[in-house]
Amino acid sequence: MKVLRGCARLAELRTLVSGSGTILALVFLGFFPVRAETLKVFAAASLTDTLDDVLSVCSSKTGLDATGIYAGSGTIARQIEHGAPAAIYISANPEWMDWLQKRGRIVEEERIDLIGNTLVLIQSNLLKLKIKTENSPPDLSTILESKRIGIADPDSVPAGRYAKQALETHGWWDKPEVQNALVPGANVREVLSWVAKGDVAFGIVYHTDLLRENRVNALWIFEADAHDPIRYPAAVTTDHDSPDARRFLTCLAGQEASDIFIKSGFIALPR
């Protein structure tokens, strides 16, 4: 038998027996390098842009390809529950991560809190509204008049839940003037877009969203105790658990990634 030089480690010689005789088949194993599958990171919409920068850094460090897929945390959680190919999930609150964990969809020991954020009341620059807040927040029930205020859907989006809590803390949520002016958005970036374009006069978004949009300005930064702590937990999913996914998550929690998050306005959390 002739030996194929240079292929001793790349091929396996098998003898296949058929009814018509013996057939020799050479099966090449690993002759062509197979690139690892791209890791899909399903993340809250408020991480758009910044997380892309972090994924680029971690891809360079780990040698793994990764892509970010963004939407409301609740929307993504339900997609993962129904089999979406997420290797890593990053939520904008612990509740949706808990929801998946109870259903066995994330690897519990591979769950960490990545970063934090702050909630702000913003107004559109296009409407040229002159509202001064100084040392106290504006009374929404008096400044809204015929104007509208956008918040992410509080039934499914963390930013909306935080917004509702903040409005309740300040005694605004149940006022008819506020309820009639509320416009729920699919995610916080949609709300930011509405305010930037002047479609609504006001909105409640994250501080990191405000920093990325020069067509809006902050009326009030909500106190930390006006709502639940804003935390972004991340975890590897059970359906796509792998050494690569775990290694990539470790990079997302590393110092280089943290520096990028902080530069974009996110808050570092103690490890």
Foldseek 3Di string as FASTA:
>chain_A
DDDDPPQPVFWDWDWDADPVGIDIDIDGHCPDPDADDEAEEEEEQLCPPLVVVLQVVLCVVQVHHYDYDYFFLQVVLVVLVVPDRHQKYKHFDVPSVVVCVVVQWFDVVFKDWAFFFFKFKKFFVVVVDDDAAPPHFDQCLPPCVVFAEEFAPCVGGPRNVQVLLLCVLVPRNPDPSHVVRYDHDRHQVVRLVCRLVVVGGMYMHIPLSVVVGPRMDTRDTGDCVSGDTGIMMMTGTPVNDDPSSSSSSVSCRDDVVSVSCVVSPIGGDDD
